């Protein structure tokens, strides 16, 4: 049975296995990777996990540029199968929720399940609706979002190519 957990250094090897399943590049949606992240060394990975999880809950005295979110890993039997993140702030470019399932774990309904779970968290935060984008040619992701109530707003150009923009009403 899969579960959503906070990123943890205890699953370093499992995370690297997940990352390697995708192949080279920074296309693992839901993990918040950047080109400067050192994920291979224990210290670099620990710093990356700390950065992801320290913004999970608002600090007592937040900096104006800190942006909080709810990063989760999709884990089953000690294997990292994917990631999903609910941003507690709005970005018209990247939306509220991003997710990705490693290639070897796809076609099991994991993305739909994880998205449903994160929509519950968004409701608990008091959000009325969320924007969930996906690349225009990612038919599987589009279907996942539509199954969860996503209504297509339209398609926009982005740095990664055309992106479908779906809004999900959380009070339906």
N, C-alpha and C. Protein backbone atom coordinates (compact mmCIF):
# COMPACT_ATOMS: atom_id res chain seq x y z
N UNK A 1 0.85 -1.18 0.00
CA UNK A 1 0.00 0.00 0.00
C UNK A 1 0.90 1.25 0.00
N UNK A 2 0.73 2.15 -0.95
CA UNK A 2 1.56 3.35 -0.97
C UNK A 2 1.17 4.32 0.13
N UNK A 3 2.11 5.19 0.46
CA UNK A 3 1.83 6.25 1.42
C UNK A 3 2.56 7.51 0.98
N UNK A 4 2.06 8.64 1.44
CA UNK A 4 2.71 9.93 1.20
C UNK A 4 3.50 10.28 2.46
N UNK A 5 4.79 10.54 2.30
CA UNK A 5 5.62 10.87 3.45
C UNK A 5 6.42 12.13 3.15
N UNK A 6 6.88 12.77 4.21
CA UNK A 6 7.81 13.88 4.05
C UNK A 6 9.14 13.35 3.51
N UNK A 7 9.83 14.11 2.70
CA UNK A 7 11.16 13.69 2.27
C UNK A 7 12.03 13.38 3.49
N UNK A 8 12.87 12.35 3.36
CA UNK A 8 13.70 11.93 4.48
C UNK A 8 15.05 11.43 3.97
N UNK A 9 16.09 11.69 4.74
CA UNK A 9 17.42 11.22 4.38
C UNK A 9 17.53 9.70 4.51
N UNK A 10 16.64 9.08 5.25
CA UNK A 10 16.67 7.63 5.44
C UNK A 10 16.43 6.87 4.13
N UNK A 11 15.85 7.54 3.15
CA UNK A 11 15.56 6.89 1.87
C UNK A 11 16.46 7.42 0.75
N UNK A 12 17.69 7.81 1.11
CA UNK A 12 18.62 8.37 0.12
C UNK A 12 18.82 7.41 -1.05
N UNK A 13 19.18 6.16 -0.78
CA UNK A 13 19.43 5.19 -1.86
C UNK A 13 18.16 4.95 -2.68
N UNK A 14 17.02 4.87 -2.01
CA UNK A 14 15.74 4.66 -2.73
C UNK A 14 15.41 5.86 -3.61
N UNK A 15 15.72 7.07 -3.11
CA UNK A 15 15.47 8.27 -3.92
C UNK A 15 16.35 8.26 -5.16
N UNK A 16 17.63 7.92 -4.99
CA UNK A 16 18.55 7.89 -6.14
C UNK A 16 18.10 6.84 -7.16
N UNK A 17 17.61 5.72 -6.70
CA UNK A 17 17.07 4.70 -7.60
C UNK A 17 15.88 5.25 -8.40
N UNK A 18 15.02 6.00 -7.72
CA UNK A 18 13.87 6.64 -8.37
C UNK A 18 14.35 7.64 -9.40
N UNK A 19 15.28 8.49 -9.01
CA UNK A 19 15.82 9.50 -9.93
C UNK A 19 16.45 8.85 -11.15
N UNK A 20 17.21 7.79 -10.94
CA UNK A 20 17.89 7.12 -12.04
C UNK A 20 16.91 6.43 -12.99
N UNK A 21 15.73 6.05 -12.47
CA UNK A 21 14.71 5.44 -13.32
C UNK A 21 14.26 6.41 -14.41
N UNK A 22 14.28 7.72 -14.12
CA UNK A 22 13.90 8.74 -15.10
C UNK A 22 14.98 8.94 -16.16
N UNK A 23 16.21 8.70 -15.78
CA UNK A 23 17.31 9.01 -16.68
C UNK A 23 17.81 10.42 -16.40
N UNK A 24 18.79 10.90 -17.18
CA UNK A 24 19.40 12.20 -16.90
C UNK A 24 18.42 13.36 -17.10
N UNK A 25 18.64 14.42 -16.34
CA UNK A 25 17.84 15.63 -16.49
C UNK A 25 17.11 15.99 -15.21
N UNK A 26 16.43 17.13 -15.25
CA UNK A 26 15.71 17.63 -14.08
C UNK A 26 14.21 17.60 -14.32
N UNK A 27 13.70 16.52 -14.85
CA UNK A 27 12.29 16.47 -15.22
C UNK A 27 11.43 15.71 -14.22
N UNK A 28 11.93 15.45 -13.04
CA UNK A 28 11.19 14.72 -12.04
C UNK A 28 10.22 15.66 -11.32
N UNK A 29 9.08 15.95 -11.92
CA UNK A 29 8.11 16.86 -11.33
C UNK A 29 7.69 16.36 -9.95
N UNK A 30 7.47 17.29 -9.05
CA UNK A 30 7.05 16.96 -7.71
C UNK A 30 8.17 16.90 -6.69
N UNK A 31 9.42 16.92 -7.15
CA UNK A 31 10.55 16.85 -6.22
C UNK A 31 11.20 18.21 -5.99
N UNK A 32 10.99 19.18 -6.85
CA UNK A 32 11.59 20.49 -6.67
C UNK A 32 13.08 20.51 -6.88
N UNK A 33 13.55 19.82 -7.89
CA UNK A 33 14.98 19.75 -8.17
C UNK A 33 15.46 20.97 -8.95
N UNK A 34 16.71 21.33 -8.69
CA UNK A 34 17.35 22.37 -9.51
C UNK A 34 18.71 21.85 -9.95
N UNK A 35 19.29 22.49 -10.93
CA UNK A 35 20.57 22.05 -11.50
C UNK A 35 21.70 22.09 -10.47
N UNK A 36 21.58 22.91 -9.44
CA UNK A 36 22.64 23.05 -8.44
C UNK A 36 22.54 22.05 -7.29
N UNK A 37 21.48 21.25 -7.24
CA UNK A 37 21.30 20.32 -6.13
C UNK A 37 22.28 19.16 -6.21
N UNK A 38 22.96 18.90 -5.10
CA UNK A 38 23.87 17.75 -4.98
C UNK A 38 23.09 16.65 -4.27
N UNK A 39 22.58 15.71 -5.05
CA UNK A 39 21.78 14.64 -4.49
C UNK A 39 22.59 13.37 -4.24
N UNK A 40 23.77 13.27 -4.83
CA UNK A 40 24.55 12.04 -4.74
C UNK A 40 25.30 11.89 -3.42
N UNK A 41 25.84 12.97 -2.90
CA UNK A 41 26.57 12.86 -1.63
C UNK A 41 25.57 12.89 -0.47
N UNK A 42 25.95 12.24 0.62
CA UNK A 42 25.08 12.20 1.81
C UNK A 42 24.83 13.61 2.35
N UNK A 43 25.88 14.44 2.40
CA UNK A 43 25.72 15.81 2.92
C UNK A 43 24.86 16.66 1.99
N UNK A 44 25.11 16.56 0.69
CA UNK A 44 24.31 17.32 -0.27
C UNK A 44 22.85 16.91 -0.24
N UNK A 45 22.60 15.62 -0.16
CA UNK A 45 21.23 15.12 -0.09
C UNK A 45 20.55 15.59 1.19
N UNK A 46 21.27 15.53 2.31
CA UNK A 46 20.71 15.98 3.58
C UNK A 46 20.35 17.47 3.52
N UNK A 47 21.20 18.27 2.90
CA UNK A 47 20.91 19.71 2.77
C UNK A 47 19.68 19.93 1.89
N UNK A 48 19.57 19.16 0.81
CA UNK A 48 18.42 19.28 -0.09
C UNK A 48 17.13 18.89 0.62
N UNK A 49 17.15 17.78 1.36
CA UNK A 49 15.97 17.34 2.11
C UNK A 49 15.61 18.39 3.15
N UNK A 50 16.60 18.93 3.85
CA UNK A 50 16.34 19.96 4.85
C UNK A 50 15.67 21.18 4.21
N UNK A 51 16.16 21.61 3.08
CA UNK A 51 15.58 22.76 2.38
C UNK A 51 14.12 22.48 2.01
N UNK A 52 13.83 21.27 1.54
CA UNK A 52 12.46 20.93 1.16
C UNK A 52 11.54 20.91 2.37
N UNK A 53 12.01 20.32 3.46
CA UNK A 53 11.13 20.11 4.62
C UNK A 53 11.06 21.30 5.56
N UNK A 54 12.06 22.17 5.56
CA UNK A 54 12.01 23.32 6.48
C UNK A 54 10.93 24.30 6.08
N UNK A 55 10.51 24.27 4.84
CA UNK A 55 9.46 25.19 4.39
C UNK A 55 8.09 24.52 4.40
N UNK A 56 8.01 23.33 4.99
CA UNK A 56 6.74 22.63 5.06
C UNK A 56 5.78 23.34 6.01
N UNK A 57 6.31 23.81 7.12
CA UNK A 57 5.49 24.51 8.10
C UNK A 57 6.04 25.92 8.25
N UNK A 58 5.15 26.91 8.30
CA UNK A 58 5.64 28.30 8.40
C UNK A 58 6.52 28.51 9.62
N UNK A 59 7.68 29.12 9.45
CA UNK A 59 8.52 29.44 10.60
C UNK A 59 7.87 30.55 11.42
N UNK A 60 8.33 30.70 12.64
CA UNK A 60 7.73 31.71 13.52
C UNK A 60 7.95 33.12 12.99
N UNK A 61 9.08 33.37 12.37
CA UNK A 61 9.38 34.69 11.83
C UNK A 61 9.80 34.52 10.37
N UNK A 62 8.84 34.33 9.45
CA UNK A 62 9.20 34.01 8.08
C UNK A 62 9.83 35.19 7.34
N UNK A 63 10.77 34.85 6.49
CA UNK A 63 11.33 35.85 5.59
C UNK A 63 10.28 36.11 4.51
N UNK A 64 10.22 37.33 3.97
CA UNK A 64 9.20 37.63 2.98
C UNK A 64 9.30 36.78 1.72
N UNK A 65 10.50 36.28 1.39
CA UNK A 65 10.63 35.52 0.15
C UNK A 65 10.52 34.01 0.35
N UNK A 66 10.34 33.55 1.61
CA UNK A 66 10.18 32.11 1.82
C UNK A 66 8.79 31.69 1.38
N UNK A 67 8.74 30.59 0.70
CA UNK A 67 7.48 30.08 0.18
C UNK A 67 7.25 28.70 0.73
N UNK A 68 6.15 28.53 1.40
CA UNK A 68 5.86 27.28 2.08
C UNK A 68 5.14 26.32 1.15
N UNK A 69 5.30 25.06 1.45
CA UNK A 69 4.65 24.04 0.66
C UNK A 69 4.59 22.73 1.40
N UNK A 70 3.97 21.77 0.77
CA UNK A 70 3.83 20.43 1.32
C UNK A 70 4.44 19.44 0.35
N UNK A 71 5.75 19.20 0.44
CA UNK A 71 6.36 18.19 -0.42
C UNK A 71 6.12 16.80 0.16
N UNK A 72 5.79 15.86 -0.69
CA UNK A 72 5.59 14.49 -0.25
C UNK A 72 6.23 13.54 -1.25
N UNK A 73 6.74 12.44 -0.73
CA UNK A 73 7.20 11.36 -1.58
C UNK A 73 6.15 10.27 -1.56
N UNK A 74 5.96 9.63 -2.69
CA UNK A 74 5.06 8.49 -2.79
C UNK A 74 5.95 7.26 -2.58
N UNK A 75 5.73 6.56 -1.47
CA UNK A 75 6.61 5.47 -1.06
C UNK A 75 5.79 4.20 -0.84
N UNK A 76 6.39 3.08 -1.25
CA UNK A 76 5.77 1.78 -1.01
C UNK A 76 6.88 0.76 -0.78
N UNK A 77 6.81 0.04 0.32
CA UNK A 77 7.79 -1.00 0.67
C UNK A 77 9.23 -0.49 0.57
N UNK A 78 9.46 0.73 1.03
CA UNK A 78 10.81 1.29 1.03
C UNK A 78 11.30 1.83 -0.30
N UNK A 79 10.44 1.83 -1.31
CA UNK A 79 10.79 2.34 -2.64
C UNK A 79 10.11 3.69 -2.87
N UNK A 80 10.87 4.66 -3.36
CA UNK A 80 10.30 5.95 -3.73
C UNK A 80 9.76 5.81 -5.14
N UNK A 81 8.44 5.97 -5.27
CA UNK A 81 7.76 5.78 -6.56
C UNK A 81 7.50 7.08 -7.29
N UNK A 82 7.58 8.20 -6.55
CA UNK A 82 7.33 9.49 -7.17
C UNK A 82 7.27 10.58 -6.11
N UNK A 83 6.91 11.75 -6.55
CA UNK A 83 6.80 12.88 -5.65
C UNK A 83 5.64 13.77 -6.05
N UNK A 84 5.12 14.49 -5.08
CA UNK A 84 4.04 15.45 -5.32
C UNK A 84 4.25 16.60 -4.35
N UNK A 85 3.94 17.79 -4.80
CA UNK A 85 4.12 18.97 -3.94
C UNK A 85 2.92 19.90 -4.09
N UNK A 86 2.40 20.33 -2.97
CA UNK A 86 1.36 21.35 -2.92
C UNK A 86 2.03 22.63 -2.48
N UNK A 87 2.01 23.62 -3.34
CA UNK A 87 2.57 24.92 -2.98
C UNK A 87 1.50 25.73 -2.24
N UNK A 88 1.86 26.30 -1.12
CA UNK A 88 0.91 27.08 -0.33
C UNK A 88 0.81 28.50 -0.85
N UNK A 89 1.44 28.78 -1.95
CA UNK A 89 1.46 30.08 -2.59
C UNK A 89 1.11 29.86 -4.06
N UNK A 90 0.70 30.90 -4.71
CA UNK A 90 0.29 30.76 -6.10
C UNK A 90 1.35 31.29 -7.05
N UNK A 91 1.62 30.51 -8.06
CA UNK A 91 2.47 30.94 -9.16
C UNK A 91 1.71 30.66 -10.45
N UNK A 92 1.48 31.69 -11.23
CA UNK A 92 0.75 31.52 -12.48
C UNK A 92 1.53 30.66 -13.47
N UNK A 93 2.84 30.55 -13.28
CA UNK A 93 3.67 29.75 -14.18
C UNK A 93 3.65 28.26 -13.83
N UNK A 94 3.73 27.94 -12.54
CA UNK A 94 3.86 26.52 -12.17
C UNK A 94 2.69 25.97 -11.39
N UNK A 95 1.71 26.80 -11.06
CA UNK A 95 0.51 26.32 -10.39
C UNK A 95 0.73 25.96 -8.93
N UNK A 96 -0.28 25.32 -8.36
CA UNK A 96 -0.26 24.93 -6.96
C UNK A 96 0.31 23.53 -6.73
N UNK A 97 0.08 22.62 -7.67
CA UNK A 97 0.47 21.23 -7.47
C UNK A 97 1.28 20.73 -8.66
N UNK A 98 2.37 20.05 -8.35
CA UNK A 98 3.18 19.38 -9.36
C UNK A 98 3.47 17.97 -8.88
N UNK A 99 3.52 17.03 -9.79
CA UNK A 99 3.77 15.64 -9.39
C UNK A 99 4.48 14.88 -10.50
N UNK A 100 5.06 13.77 -10.14
CA UNK A 100 5.69 12.89 -11.11
C UNK A 100 5.80 11.49 -10.55
N UNK A 101 5.60 10.51 -11.40
CA UNK A 101 5.71 9.09 -11.04
C UNK A 101 6.84 8.50 -11.86
N UNK A 102 7.75 7.78 -11.22
CA UNK A 102 8.87 7.18 -11.94
C UNK A 102 8.34 6.23 -13.01
N UNK A 103 9.03 6.15 -14.13
CA UNK A 103 8.53 5.34 -15.25
C UNK A 103 8.14 3.92 -14.88
N UNK A 104 8.91 3.24 -14.05
CA UNK A 104 8.61 1.84 -13.73
C UNK A 104 7.40 1.67 -12.80
N UNK A 105 6.86 2.76 -12.25
CA UNK A 105 5.71 2.67 -11.34
C UNK A 105 4.43 3.25 -11.96
N UNK A 106 4.47 3.63 -13.20
CA UNK A 106 3.30 4.24 -13.85
C UNK A 106 2.22 3.21 -14.18
N UNK A 107 1.04 3.72 -14.48
CA UNK A 107 -0.12 2.92 -14.88
C UNK A 107 -0.67 2.07 -13.73
N UNK A 108 -0.50 2.57 -12.51
CA UNK A 108 -1.03 1.90 -11.32
C UNK A 108 -2.03 2.78 -10.57
N UNK A 109 -2.29 4.00 -11.08
CA UNK A 109 -3.20 4.90 -10.40
C UNK A 109 -2.57 5.70 -9.28
N UNK A 110 -1.24 5.65 -9.17
CA UNK A 110 -0.56 6.36 -8.09
C UNK A 110 -0.72 7.88 -8.18
N UNK A 111 -0.63 8.42 -9.38
CA UNK A 111 -0.76 9.88 -9.54
C UNK A 111 -2.16 10.34 -9.16
N UNK A 112 -3.18 9.61 -9.58
CA UNK A 112 -4.56 9.98 -9.23
C UNK A 112 -4.77 9.93 -7.72
N UNK A 113 -4.26 8.86 -7.09
CA UNK A 113 -4.38 8.72 -5.65
C UNK A 113 -3.66 9.86 -4.92
N UNK A 114 -2.41 10.13 -5.32
CA UNK A 114 -1.63 11.18 -4.66
C UNK A 114 -2.26 12.55 -4.86
N UNK A 115 -2.75 12.82 -6.06
CA UNK A 115 -3.39 14.11 -6.32
C UNK A 115 -4.64 14.26 -5.46
N UNK A 116 -5.44 13.22 -5.34
CA UNK A 116 -6.64 13.27 -4.48
C UNK A 116 -6.25 13.60 -3.04
N UNK A 117 -5.18 12.97 -2.56
CA UNK A 117 -4.71 13.23 -1.20
C UNK A 117 -4.30 14.70 -1.02
N UNK A 118 -3.58 15.23 -2.00
CA UNK A 118 -3.11 16.61 -1.89
C UNK A 118 -4.26 17.61 -2.04
N UNK A 119 -5.29 17.25 -2.78
CA UNK A 119 -6.46 18.12 -2.86
C UNK A 119 -7.12 18.24 -1.48
N UNK A 120 -7.10 17.17 -0.71
CA UNK A 120 -7.59 17.24 0.67
C UNK A 120 -6.77 18.19 1.51
N UNK A 121 -5.45 18.17 1.34
CA UNK A 121 -4.59 19.11 2.07
C UNK A 121 -4.88 20.55 1.64
N UNK A 122 -5.11 20.75 0.35
CA UNK A 122 -5.41 22.10 -0.15
C UNK A 122 -6.72 22.61 0.47
N UNK A 123 -7.72 21.72 0.58
CA UNK A 123 -8.98 22.10 1.22
C UNK A 123 -8.73 22.50 2.67
N UNK A 124 -7.91 21.70 3.37
CA UNK A 124 -7.62 21.97 4.77
C UNK A 124 -6.92 23.32 4.96
N UNK A 125 -6.17 23.75 3.94
CA UNK A 125 -5.52 25.07 3.99
C UNK A 125 -6.50 26.21 3.73
N UNK A 126 -7.70 25.87 3.28
CA UNK A 126 -8.71 26.88 2.99
C UNK A 126 -8.68 27.38 1.56
N UNK A 127 -7.96 26.69 0.69
CA UNK A 127 -7.95 27.11 -0.72
C UNK A 127 -9.29 26.77 -1.37
N UNK A 128 -9.75 27.64 -2.26
CA UNK A 128 -11.00 27.42 -2.98
C UNK A 128 -10.81 26.61 -4.25
N UNK A 129 -9.65 26.81 -4.88
CA UNK A 129 -9.35 26.10 -6.11
C UNK A 129 -7.83 26.06 -6.28
N UNK A 130 -7.38 25.11 -7.08
CA UNK A 130 -5.95 24.99 -7.33
C UNK A 130 -5.70 24.87 -8.83
N UNK A 131 -4.55 25.36 -9.24
CA UNK A 131 -4.09 25.25 -10.63
C UNK A 131 -3.11 24.09 -10.70
N UNK A 132 -3.39 23.15 -11.61
CA UNK A 132 -2.52 21.98 -11.80
C UNK A 132 -2.16 21.92 -13.29
N UNK A 133 -0.95 22.29 -13.64
CA UNK A 133 -0.54 22.25 -15.05
C UNK A 133 0.13 20.92 -15.42
N UNK A 134 0.16 20.65 -16.71
CA UNK A 134 0.94 19.52 -17.23
C UNK A 134 1.33 19.85 -18.67
N UNK A 135 2.39 19.24 -19.13
CA UNK A 135 2.80 19.46 -20.52
C UNK A 135 1.68 19.03 -21.46
N UNK A 136 1.52 19.76 -22.53
CA UNK A 136 0.41 19.51 -23.45
C UNK A 136 0.40 18.08 -23.99
N UNK A 137 1.57 17.51 -24.22
CA UNK A 137 1.62 16.16 -24.80
C UNK A 137 1.58 15.05 -23.75
N UNK A 138 1.42 15.39 -22.47
CA UNK A 138 1.36 14.39 -21.41
C UNK A 138 -0.10 13.99 -21.19
N UNK A 139 -0.58 13.12 -22.05
CA UNK A 139 -1.98 12.71 -22.04
C UNK A 139 -2.34 12.01 -20.72
N UNK A 140 -1.44 11.18 -20.21
CA UNK A 140 -1.73 10.47 -18.96
C UNK A 140 -1.94 11.45 -17.80
N UNK A 141 -1.11 12.47 -17.71
CA UNK A 141 -1.26 13.46 -16.65
C UNK A 141 -2.54 14.27 -16.84
N UNK A 142 -2.85 14.62 -18.07
CA UNK A 142 -4.09 15.36 -18.34
C UNK A 142 -5.30 14.54 -17.87
N UNK A 143 -5.30 13.25 -18.16
CA UNK A 143 -6.41 12.39 -17.72
C UNK A 143 -6.47 12.29 -16.20
N UNK A 144 -5.31 12.22 -15.56
CA UNK A 144 -5.27 12.18 -14.10
C UNK A 144 -5.90 13.42 -13.51
N UNK A 145 -5.55 14.57 -14.03
CA UNK A 145 -6.09 15.84 -13.52
C UNK A 145 -7.58 15.92 -13.80
N UNK A 146 -8.00 15.53 -14.98
CA UNK A 146 -9.43 15.56 -15.33
C UNK A 146 -10.23 14.62 -14.43
N UNK A 147 -9.69 13.44 -14.12
CA UNK A 147 -10.38 12.49 -13.22
C UNK A 147 -10.56 13.07 -11.83
N UNK A 148 -9.71 14.00 -11.47
CA UNK A 148 -9.80 14.64 -10.16
C UNK A 148 -10.54 15.98 -10.21
N UNK A 149 -11.28 16.22 -11.27
CA UNK A 149 -12.11 17.42 -11.36
C UNK A 149 -11.49 18.58 -12.11
N UNK A 150 -10.35 18.38 -12.74
CA UNK A 150 -9.68 19.46 -13.46
C UNK A 150 -10.47 19.92 -14.67
N UNK A 151 -10.60 21.23 -14.80
CA UNK A 151 -11.26 21.86 -15.95
C UNK A 151 -10.20 22.65 -16.70
N UNK A 152 -10.04 22.34 -17.97
CA UNK A 152 -9.02 22.98 -18.79
C UNK A 152 -9.32 24.46 -18.99
N UNK A 153 -8.37 25.30 -18.56
CA UNK A 153 -8.46 26.74 -18.80
C UNK A 153 -7.96 27.07 -20.19
N UNK A 154 -6.90 26.36 -20.60
CA UNK A 154 -6.29 26.61 -21.89
C UNK A 154 -4.87 26.09 -21.91
N UNK A 155 -4.17 26.43 -22.97
CA UNK A 155 -2.78 26.01 -23.15
C UNK A 155 -1.92 27.25 -23.29
N UNK A 156 -0.79 27.27 -22.60
CA UNK A 156 0.15 28.39 -22.68
C UNK A 156 1.54 27.87 -23.02
N UNK A 157 2.32 28.72 -23.63
CA UNK A 157 3.71 28.40 -23.88
C UNK A 157 4.51 28.56 -22.59
N UNK A 158 5.52 27.71 -22.43
CA UNK A 158 6.43 27.80 -21.29
C UNK A 158 7.83 27.47 -21.77
N UNK A 159 8.79 27.55 -20.86
CA UNK A 159 10.17 27.20 -21.19
C UNK A 159 10.30 25.73 -21.59
N UNK A 160 9.35 24.90 -21.15
CA UNK A 160 9.40 23.46 -21.42
C UNK A 160 8.48 23.05 -22.55
N UNK A 161 7.85 24.01 -23.21
CA UNK A 161 6.91 23.73 -24.28
C UNK A 161 5.49 24.08 -23.86
N UNK A 162 4.52 23.79 -24.71
CA UNK A 162 3.12 24.11 -24.37
C UNK A 162 2.64 23.37 -23.13
N UNK A 163 1.93 24.08 -22.26
CA UNK A 163 1.45 23.53 -21.00
C UNK A 163 -0.07 23.69 -20.92
N UNK A 164 -0.74 22.58 -20.59
CA UNK A 164 -2.18 22.62 -20.29
C UNK A 164 -2.34 23.15 -18.87
N UNK A 165 -3.34 24.02 -18.69
CA UNK A 165 -3.60 24.59 -17.37
C UNK A 165 -4.99 24.17 -16.92
N UNK A 166 -5.03 23.42 -15.83
CA UNK A 166 -6.29 22.92 -15.29
C UNK A 166 -6.57 23.54 -13.93
N UNK A 167 -7.81 23.95 -13.73
CA UNK A 167 -8.25 24.42 -12.42
C UNK A 167 -9.14 23.35 -11.81
N UNK A 168 -8.94 23.09 -10.52
CA UNK A 168 -9.77 22.17 -9.78
C UNK A 168 -10.47 22.94 -8.68
N UNK A 169 -11.79 22.95 -8.74
CA UNK A 169 -12.63 23.60 -7.71
C UNK A 169 -12.68 22.66 -6.51
N UNK A 170 -12.26 23.12 -5.35
CA UNK A 170 -12.18 22.27 -4.17
C UNK A 170 -13.48 22.16 -3.40
N UNK A 171 -14.50 22.86 -3.85
CA UNK A 171 -15.79 22.82 -3.16
C UNK A 171 -16.86 22.08 -3.94
N UNK A 172 -16.45 21.37 -4.99
CA UNK A 172 -17.41 20.61 -5.79
C UNK A 172 -17.71 19.29 -5.14
